[in-house]
Amino acid sequence: MKLITRTLLILCAVTLFACNRGVEPNHELTIMPADSLPVAPVNDPVYVYGIPADSFDIIHGQIRRDSFISDILLKYGVTLPEIDKTLSNSKNVFDVRKVLPGRNYSILCEHDGAQRARYMIYEHDPATTYVFSFTDSLNITAFRKEITKEIKYAKGTISSSLWQAILDGGMPPALAAELNDIFQWTVDFFGLEEGDNFKVVYEEKFIENKSMGIGKILTAQFTSSGKTYTAIPFIQDGQETYFDADGKSLRKAFLKAPLKFTRISSRYTTSRFHPILKIRRPHLGVDYAAPIGTEVHTIGDGKVISVTTGGGEGRMVKIKHNANYTTAYMHLSRFGAGIKPGVMVSQGQVIGYVGSSGLSTGPHLDFRFYQNGSAIDPLKVIAPPSEPVSQANIEKFEMIKEVNLHILSTF
């Protein structure tokens, strides 16, 4: 009797439910197994550097100049003891003094009104990211992306400038600066002629298939004014530098020019009409026109013997390179950091900035070159070379040279 009563109650409940749903009560009721019932889709958690990022509020920013990581973290509830402990625990992983302005960071905060930071992600460079953890463990983890390299072959012919030839050839613009650095002692890049040409084999760096610029120049060749210069990398005395096909160093005692200029506005002459004094007088140097503030570099190692601010030369630096050679840099807007009499300087060091001080009609550098106390034409100076390949290394160098020349001849 109890079983019959229970069955009738169930049937009534089903019928009532079906009527209320607008379904005929005599329709057949299908019961589906539980494992075949439709299930609402569940999104997989999104992980960033091993962190379930969708579990946090994420705030993005950039490191400001003269700011500290502690300034950022304190805003998001991380205490100074926690910051100090984190840095102490990971002092061999990350040096907080090397934080760079302009770099991106992300703060991962809890989903609440307090917005306390649990993680900070700092993108130090394209290949390296540091993750600061303020959870149960206070530490910093470094994540480094793999850098791959591809060897590229390129060549070009000058129509107007090296820069334009590189752009026209679809090569990385940074290649112009690299070639300039290698051949700057032998090729006058501001006197290039139409038809001059170059070949270069170089590495291009990639991170996740995105180009990160060029790496090492493996070999190069530059033909200018009918003369061909070859750059062959070779390690001597523990340092890799470039040598020409005769085993002579491409690095010379003096640079071809002390700055990157737009044009030569006046050359060495014993009789030039002075634009301010309106008289003819010798101009025993070369004027390089360039914007105010352009860096001026010493063309060679030496000792600063004079730093002056008065007279027609304006702000001027004089450098003695050896017993024979001295150079002077005139009409500067200001001096380089630490430049004063008695200071030793290295080739390429910034000793001042282009200006228009003294008797000058516009921004330029008046560059003077003295040999044994007498002014000579800077554009005609033949710079003495650095050390060539030693006799003990000649055989090894010749083998490397032949490989380089063969590669350059194939394209």
Protein backbone atom coordinates (compact mmCIF):
# COMPACT_ATOMS: atom_id res chain seq x y z
CA MET A 1 0.00 0.00 0.00
CA LYS A 2 2.85 2.39 0.89
CA LEU A 3 4.56 1.62 -2.42
CA ILE A 4 1.41 2.39 -4.41
CA THR A 5 0.87 5.67 -2.54
CA ARG A 6 4.49 6.76 -3.15
CA THR A 7 4.23 5.97 -6.87
CA LEU A 8 1.01 7.97 -7.24
CA LEU A 9 2.57 10.97 -5.52
CA ILE A 10 5.57 10.91 -7.87
CA LEU A 11 3.31 10.68 -10.94
CA CYS A 12 1.20 13.60 -9.71
CA ALA A 13 4.30 15.72 -9.11
CA VAL A 14 5.66 14.97 -12.59
CA THR A 15 2.26 15.69 -14.19
CA LEU A 16 1.89 18.96 -12.29
CA PHE A 17 5.42 20.04 -13.28
CA ALA A 18 4.77 19.19 -16.90
CA CYS A 19 1.44 21.09 -16.95
CA ASN A 20 3.01 24.13 -15.42
CA ARG A 21 5.68 24.02 -18.14
CA GLY A 22 3.04 23.86 -20.90
CA VAL A 23 3.89 20.25 -21.80
CA GLU A 24 1.21 17.66 -22.41
CA PRO A 25 1.10 15.38 -19.37
CA ASN A 26 0.97 12.25 -21.49
CA HIS A 27 4.33 13.06 -23.18
CA GLU A 28 7.01 10.50 -22.56
CA LEU A 29 9.58 11.60 -19.95
CA THR A 30 13.20 10.86 -20.86
CA ILE A 31 15.74 10.56 -18.08
CA MET A 32 19.35 11.30 -19.20
CA PRO A 33 22.39 9.85 -17.45
CA ALA A 34 24.34 12.40 -15.40
CA ASP A 35 27.53 12.17 -17.46
CA SER A 36 25.65 13.18 -20.63
CA LEU A 37 24.12 16.36 -19.20
CA PRO A 38 25.39 19.62 -20.84
CA VAL A 39 28.01 21.37 -18.75
CA ALA A 40 28.69 25.14 -18.87
CA PRO A 41 32.14 25.79 -20.35
CA VAL A 42 34.86 26.64 -17.85
CA ASN A 43 37.72 28.84 -19.08
CA ASP A 44 41.20 27.56 -18.31
CA PRO A 45 43.18 29.86 -16.00
CA VAL A 46 45.60 32.22 -17.73
CA TYR A 47 49.16 31.80 -16.46
CA VAL A 48 51.84 34.49 -16.79
CA TYR A 49 55.30 33.46 -15.59
CA GLY A 50 53.64 30.67 -13.65
CA ILE A 51 51.12 33.01 -11.96
CA PRO A 52 47.34 32.58 -12.50
CA ALA A 53 46.99 36.16 -13.73
CA ASP A 54 43.18 36.13 -14.00
CA SER A 55 43.06 35.69 -10.22
CA PHE A 56 44.41 39.22 -9.72
CA ASP A 57 43.76 42.82 -10.64
CA ILE A 58 46.63 43.90 -12.89
CA ILE A 59 47.99 47.45 -12.91
CA HIS A 60 50.54 48.45 -15.56
CA GLY A 61 53.11 51.24 -15.43
CA GLN A 62 56.58 52.43 -16.39
CA ILE A 63 59.57 53.09 -14.16
CA ARG A 64 60.00 56.84 -13.81
CA ARG A 65 63.35 58.56 -13.79
CA ASP A 66 64.79 58.95 -10.27
CA SER A 67 62.14 56.62 -8.79
CA PHE A 68 62.70 53.43 -6.80
CA ILE A 69 60.95 50.07 -6.82
CA SER A 70 60.14 50.59 -3.14
CA ASP A 71 58.20 53.78 -4.07
CA ILE A 72 55.93 51.69 -6.31
CA LEU A 73 55.47 48.74 -3.95
CA LEU A 74 54.66 50.84 -0.88
CA LYS A 75 51.60 52.20 -2.72
CA TYR A 76 50.24 48.67 -2.94
CA GLY A 77 50.59 47.56 0.66
CA VAL A 78 54.01 45.93 0.56
CA THR A 79 55.94 46.96 3.68
CA LEU A 80 59.54 48.09 3.80
CA PRO A 81 60.60 45.00 5.83
CA GLU A 82 59.04 42.79 3.15
CA ILE A 83 60.81 44.70 0.38
CA ASP A 84 64.16 44.54 2.21
CA LYS A 85 63.73 40.81 2.88
CA THR A 86 62.83 40.14 -0.77
CA LEU A 87 65.88 42.00 -2.04
CA SER A 88 68.11 40.34 0.55
CA ASN A 89 66.84 36.86 -0.37
CA SER A 90 67.55 37.48 -4.05
CA LYS A 91 70.65 39.69 -4.04
CA ASN A 92 72.42 37.20 -6.32
CA VAL A 93 69.47 37.26 -8.75
CA PHE A 94 68.77 40.97 -9.14
CA ASP A 95 70.60 44.21 -8.36
CA VAL A 96 67.95 46.82 -7.59
CA ARG A 97 70.41 49.59 -8.50
CA LYS A 98 70.20 48.49 -12.14
CA VAL A 99 66.50 49.28 -12.55
CA LEU A 100 66.14 51.29 -15.77
CA PRO A 101 63.79 54.26 -16.28
CA GLY A 102 61.17 53.78 -18.97
CA ARG A 103 60.94 50.00 -18.48
CA ASN A 104 57.49 48.43 -18.12
CA TYR A 105 56.18 46.80 -14.96
CA SER A 106 52.93 45.16 -13.82
CA ILE A 107 51.53 44.94 -10.29
CA LEU A 108 49.26 41.93 -9.55
CA CYS A 109 46.91 42.82 -6.71
CA GLU A 110 44.28 40.89 -4.78
CA HIS A 111 40.61 41.24 -5.81
CA ASP A 112 39.64 43.49 -2.91
CA GLY A 113 39.52 47.12 -1.97
CA ALA A 114 42.95 47.03 -0.35
CA GLN A 115 44.63 46.07 -3.65
CA ARG A 116 47.66 44.61 -1.91
CA ALA A 117 50.40 43.57 -4.32
CA ARG A 118 51.18 39.86 -4.43
CA TYR A 119 53.53 40.02 -7.41
CA MET A 120 55.45 42.59 -9.41
CA ILE A 121 56.62 41.80 -12.95
CA TYR A 122 59.51 44.01 -14.10
CA GLU A 123 60.57 43.83 -17.79
CA HIS A 124 64.27 44.68 -17.57
CA ASP A 125 65.03 44.15 -21.28
CA PRO A 126 63.48 42.21 -24.18
CA ALA A 127 65.19 39.01 -23.03
CA THR A 128 64.96 39.30 -19.23
CA THR A 129 62.00 39.71 -16.88
CA TYR A 130 62.09 39.64 -13.08
CA VAL A 131 59.11 38.47 -11.00
CA PHE A 132 58.93 39.76 -7.40
CA SER A 133 56.85 37.51 -5.12
CA PHE A 134 55.22 38.86 -1.94
CA THR A 135 53.26 35.73 -1.03
CA ASP A 136 54.48 33.08 1.42
CA SER A 137 57.93 33.38 -0.12
CA LEU A 138 59.66 36.72 -0.50
CA ASN A 139 61.95 36.37 -3.48
CA ILE A 140 62.73 37.39 -7.05
CA THR A 141 62.80 34.97 -9.98
CA ALA A 142 64.50 35.73 -13.28
CA PHE A 143 62.86 34.60 -16.52
CA ARG A 144 65.10 34.71 -19.59
CA LYS A 145 63.89 34.24 -23.15
CA GLU A 146 66.07 32.36 -25.59
CA ILE A 147 68.00 34.54 -28.03
CA THR A 148 68.58 32.92 -31.40
CA LYS A 149 70.96 34.19 -34.07
CA GLU A 150 70.83 34.00 -37.83
CA ILE A 151 73.75 34.71 -40.14
CA LYS A 152 72.84 37.31 -42.78
CA TYR A 153 74.67 38.33 -45.95
CA ALA A 154 74.23 41.83 -47.35
CA LYS A 155 75.77 44.16 -49.89
CA GLY A 156 75.04 47.62 -51.19
CA THR A 157 76.22 50.41 -53.45
CA ILE A 158 76.44 54.05 -52.39
CA SER A 159 74.24 56.51 -54.28
CA SER A 160 74.07 59.27 -51.68
CA SER A 161 75.13 57.91 -48.28
CA LEU A 162 75.86 54.67 -46.43
CA TRP A 163 72.68 55.15 -44.37
CA GLN A 164 70.53 55.44 -47.49
CA ALA A 165 72.18 52.45 -49.15
CA ILE A 166 71.42 50.32 -46.10
CA LEU A 167 67.79 51.48 -45.98
CA ASP A 168 67.37 50.88 -49.73
CA GLY A 169 68.73 47.36 -49.29
CA GLY A 170 66.27 46.53 -46.51
CA MET A 171 69.07 46.03 -43.99
CA PRO A 172 68.89 46.94 -40.28
CA PRO A 173 69.72 50.68 -39.88
CA ALA A 174 72.10 49.85 -37.02
CA LEU A 175 74.38 48.24 -39.59
CA ALA A 176 75.48 51.71 -40.71
CA ALA A 177 76.83 52.54 -37.25
CA GLU A 178 78.57 49.17 -36.97
CA LEU A 179 80.34 49.56 -40.31
CA ASN A 180 81.30 53.10 -39.36
CA ASP A 181 82.82 51.84 -36.10
CA ILE A 182 84.88 49.18 -37.91
CA PHE A 183 86.16 51.29 -40.82
CA GLN A 184 86.20 54.73 -39.17
CA TRP A 185 90.03 54.85 -39.14
CA THR A 186 90.37 54.03 -42.86
CA VAL A 187 87.22 55.15 -44.70
CA ASP A 188 86.06 58.77 -44.86
CA PHE A 189 82.31 58.20 -44.52
CA PHE A 190 81.62 61.88 -45.19
CA GLY A 191 83.55 61.75 -48.43
CA LEU A 192 81.88 58.69 -49.97
CA GLU A 193 81.33 58.78 -53.72
CA GLU A 194 78.60 57.33 -55.87
CA GLY A 195 79.54 53.78 -56.78
CA ASP A 196 81.44 53.02 -53.55
CA ASN A 197 80.19 49.68 -52.25
CA PHE A 198 80.30 47.25 -49.37
CA LYS A 199 79.69 43.64 -48.37
CA VAL A 200 79.01 42.42 -44.86
CA VAL A 201 78.27 39.15 -43.07
CA TYR A 202 76.60 39.68 -39.70
CA GLU A 203 74.46 38.08 -37.03
CA GLU A 204 70.87 39.14 -36.49
CA LYS A 205 69.37 38.38 -33.07
CA PHE A 206 65.81 37.15 -32.55
CA ILE A 207 63.54 36.58 -29.56
CA GLU A 208 60.37 34.62 -30.33
CA ASN A 209 60.84 35.32 -34.06
CA LYS A 210 61.06 39.08 -33.43
CA SER A 211 64.25 40.82 -34.56
CA MET A 212 66.22 42.37 -31.72
CA GLY A 213 68.85 43.99 -33.91
CA ILE A 214 72.25 42.96 -35.11
CA GLY A 215 74.96 41.16 -33.21
CA LYS A 216 78.54 40.56 -34.23
CA ILE A 217 79.97 41.57 -37.62
CA LEU A 218 81.57 38.33 -38.84
CA THR A 219 83.41 39.90 -41.77
CA ALA A 220 83.06 42.94 -44.01
CA GLN A 221 84.54 44.66 -47.02
CA PHE A 222 84.31 48.31 -48.08
CA THR A 223 85.42 49.77 -51.41
CA SER A 224 85.87 53.55 -51.46
CA SER A 225 87.65 55.70 -54.06
CA GLY A 226 88.82 52.57 -55.83
CA LYS A 227 90.48 51.05 -52.76
CA THR A 228 89.10 47.98 -50.99
CA TYR A 229 89.38 47.49 -47.23
CA THR A 230 88.62 44.11 -45.64
CA ALA A 231 87.72 43.60 -41.98
CA ILE A 232 88.81 40.22 -40.60
CA PRO A 233 88.04 39.53 -36.92
CA PHE A 234 90.97 37.97 -35.09
CA ILE A 235 91.79 37.36 -31.43
CA GLN A 236 95.20 38.55 -30.32
CA ASP A 237 96.37 39.08 -26.75
CA GLY A 238 92.96 37.93 -25.55
CA GLN A 239 91.05 40.64 -27.44
CA GLU A 240 89.17 40.34 -30.72
CA THR A 241 89.68 43.23 -33.14
CA TYR A 242 89.55 43.68 -36.91
CA PHE A 243 92.56 43.47 -39.21
CA ASP A 244 92.96 44.07 -42.92
CA ALA A 245 94.09 41.46 -45.45
CA ASP A 246 97.75 42.32 -44.75
CA GLY A 247 97.35 41.65 -41.04
CA LYS A 248 97.41 45.34 -40.11
CA SER A 249 94.99 46.58 -37.48
CA LEU A 250 92.05 48.59 -38.81
CA ARG A 251 92.22 50.57 -35.60
CA LYS A 252 94.60 53.49 -36.02
CA ALA A 253 96.12 55.93 -33.58
CA PHE A 254 93.69 58.64 -34.75
CA LEU A 255 90.05 58.71 -35.83
CA LYS A 256 89.23 60.15 -39.25
CA ALA A 257 87.01 62.82 -37.67
CA PRO A 258 86.23 63.94 -34.10
CA LEU A 259 82.43 64.07 -34.55
CA LYS A 260 79.46 63.15 -36.71
CA PHE A 261 78.97 66.21 -38.86
CA THR A 262 76.63 67.35 -41.62
CA ARG A 263 79.27 68.87 -43.89
CA ILE A 264 82.71 70.45 -43.99
CA SER A 265 82.04 74.18 -44.08
CA SER A 266 85.63 75.34 -44.31
CA ARG A 267 88.92 73.59 -45.09
CA TYR A 268 92.54 74.11 -44.19
CA THR A 269 93.97 77.10 -46.07
CA THR A 270 96.64 79.75 -45.68
CA SER A 271 94.25 82.46 -46.94
CA ARG A 272 90.56 82.54 -46.07
CA PHE A 273 88.20 85.51 -45.96
CA HIS A 274 87.04 85.65 -42.34
CA PRO A 275 83.23 86.07 -42.23
CA ILE A 276 83.33 88.23 -39.07
CA LEU A 277 86.62 90.13 -39.27
CA LYS A 278 86.15 90.74 -43.04
CA ILE A 279 89.85 90.20 -43.74
CA ARG A 280 91.91 87.44 -45.30
CA ARG A 281 93.83 85.33 -42.85
CA PRO A 282 95.00 81.70 -42.56
CA HIS A 283 92.49 79.08 -41.42
CA LEU A 284 94.74 76.30 -40.18
CA GLY A 285 92.05 73.75 -39.46
CA VAL A 286 88.84 72.18 -40.67
CA ASP A 287 85.36 73.47 -39.79
CA TYR A 288 82.76 70.75 -39.34
CA ALA A 289 79.16 72.06 -39.42
CA ALA A 290 76.97 70.25 -36.90
CA PRO A 291 74.02 71.03 -34.60
CA ILE A 292 74.67 72.61 -31.21
CA GLY A 293 75.18 69.89 -28.61
CA THR A 294 76.70 67.32 -31.00
CA GLU A 295 79.26 65.24 -29.12
CA VAL A 296 82.93 65.98 -29.89
CA HIS A 297 85.35 63.07 -29.36
CA THR A 298 89.09 63.07 -28.96
CA ILE A 299 90.58 61.44 -32.05
CA GLY A 300 93.19 59.57 -29.99
CA ASP A 301 94.52 58.76 -26.56
CA GLY A 302 96.29 61.62 -24.85
CA LYS A 303 96.52 64.19 -22.09
CA VAL A 304 94.46 67.38 -21.82
CA ILE A 305 96.96 70.23 -21.73
CA SER A 306 94.61 73.21 -22.03
CA VAL A 307 90.95 74.09 -21.36
CA THR A 308 90.15 77.74 -22.15
CA THR A 309 87.03 79.88 -22.50
CA GLY A 310 88.14 83.25 -23.90
CA GLY A 311 89.33 84.73 -27.19
CA GLY A 312 88.25 84.07 -30.74
CA GLU A 313 88.53 80.30 -30.23
CA GLY A 314 85.73 80.38 -27.65
CA ARG A 315 85.63 77.31 -25.43
CA MET A 316 88.57 75.17 -26.51
CA VAL A 317 90.23 71.90 -25.46
CA LYS A 318 93.81 70.99 -26.43
CA ILE A 319 95.09 67.41 -26.19
CA LYS A 320 98.69 66.18 -26.49
CA HIS A 321 98.71 62.67 -27.96
CA ASN A 322 102.46 61.96 -27.98
CA ALA A 323 105.75 63.73 -28.52
CA ASN A 324 104.75 64.69 -32.07
CA TYR A 325 101.00 65.28 -32.26
CA THR A 326 98.57 67.69 -30.56
CA THR A 327 94.93 68.48 -31.45
CA ALA A 328 92.61 71.39 -30.61
CA TYR A 329 88.78 71.55 -30.54
CA MET A 330 87.30 75.07 -30.73
CA HIS A 331 83.99 76.98 -30.44
CA LEU A 332 82.51 74.40 -28.02
CA SER A 333 79.24 75.08 -26.23
CA ARG A 334 80.45 73.24 -23.14
CA PHE A 335 83.12 70.78 -22.03
CA GLY A 336 82.76 67.05 -21.46
CA ALA A 337 82.41 65.66 -17.93
CA GLY A 338 85.67 65.79 -16.01
CA ILE A 339 87.64 67.49 -18.82
CA LYS A 340 90.35 69.67 -17.27
CA PRO A 341 94.12 70.16 -17.66
CA GLY A 342 96.15 67.10 -16.73
CA VAL A 343 93.35 64.56 -17.33
CA MET A 344 94.17 61.51 -19.48
CA VAL A 345 91.59 60.77 -22.19
CA SER A 346 90.94 57.74 -24.39
CA GLN A 347 90.27 57.64 -28.12
CA GLY A 348 86.58 58.34 -28.79
CA GLN A 349 85.93 59.90 -25.36
CA VAL A 350 83.57 62.90 -25.32
CA ILE A 351 85.63 65.99 -24.53
CA GLY A 352 83.02 68.63 -25.44
CA TYR A 353 79.95 69.59 -27.45
CA VAL A 354 79.53 71.61 -30.62
CA GLY A 355 78.69 75.26 -30.07
CA SER A 356 79.27 78.73 -31.47
CA SER A 357 81.40 80.37 -28.79
CA GLY A 358 84.09 82.92 -29.66
CA LEU A 359 84.31 84.41 -33.17
CA SER A 360 81.77 82.21 -34.90
CA THR A 361 78.85 82.79 -37.27
CA GLY A 362 77.06 79.55 -36.45
CA PRO A 363 77.38 76.17 -34.72
CA HIS A 364 80.43 74.21 -35.87
CA LEU A 365 83.65 72.63 -34.63
CA ASP A 366 86.95 74.18 -35.67
CA PHE A 367 89.39 71.25 -35.48
CA ARG A 368 93.15 71.83 -35.51
CA PHE A 369 95.98 69.30 -35.88
CA TYR A 370 99.59 70.07 -34.91
CA GLN A 371 102.73 68.08 -35.73
CA ASN A 372 105.84 69.08 -33.80
CA GLY A 373 104.10 72.37 -32.93
CA SER A 374 103.13 73.33 -36.50
CA ALA A 375 99.57 73.21 -37.84
CA ILE A 376 98.95 70.67 -40.60
CA ASP A 377 95.87 69.80 -42.69
CA PRO A 378 93.78 67.39 -40.58
CA LEU A 379 92.31 65.81 -43.72
CA LYS A 380 95.77 64.81 -44.95
CA VAL A 381 97.06 63.21 -41.75
CA ILE A 382 98.10 59.59 -42.24
CA ALA A 383 97.44 58.00 -38.89
CA PRO A 384 100.01 55.50 -37.63
CA PRO A 385 98.52 52.00 -37.20
CA SER A 386 98.09 50.02 -34.01
CA GLU A 387 99.90 46.72 -33.49
CA PRO A 388 99.61 44.32 -36.47
CA VAL A 389 99.12 40.56 -36.22
CA SER A 390 102.20 39.22 -34.44
CA GLN A 391 104.60 36.88 -36.21
CA ALA A 392 103.60 34.08 -33.86
CA ASN A 393 99.95 34.39 -34.99
CA ILE A 394 100.50 34.87 -38.73
CA GLU A 395 99.84 31.26 -39.75
CA LYS A 396 96.55 31.11 -37.85
CA PHE A 397 95.52 34.53 -39.17
CA GLU A 398 96.20 33.49 -42.78
CA MET A 399 93.85 30.50 -42.42
CA ILE A 400 91.05 32.70 -41.03
CA LYS A 401 91.68 35.32 -43.70
CA GLU A 402 91.29 32.80 -46.54
CA VAL A 403 87.94 31.66 -45.14
CA ASN A 404 86.73 35.26 -44.84
CA LEU A 405 87.83 36.21 -48.34
CA HIS A 406 86.17 33.12 -49.80
CA ILE A 407 82.88 33.94 -48.06
CA LEU A 408 82.98 37.54 -49.28
CA SER A 409 83.64 36.40 -52.85
CA THR A 410 80.51 34.22 -52.95
CA PHE A 411 77.94 37.02 -52.96
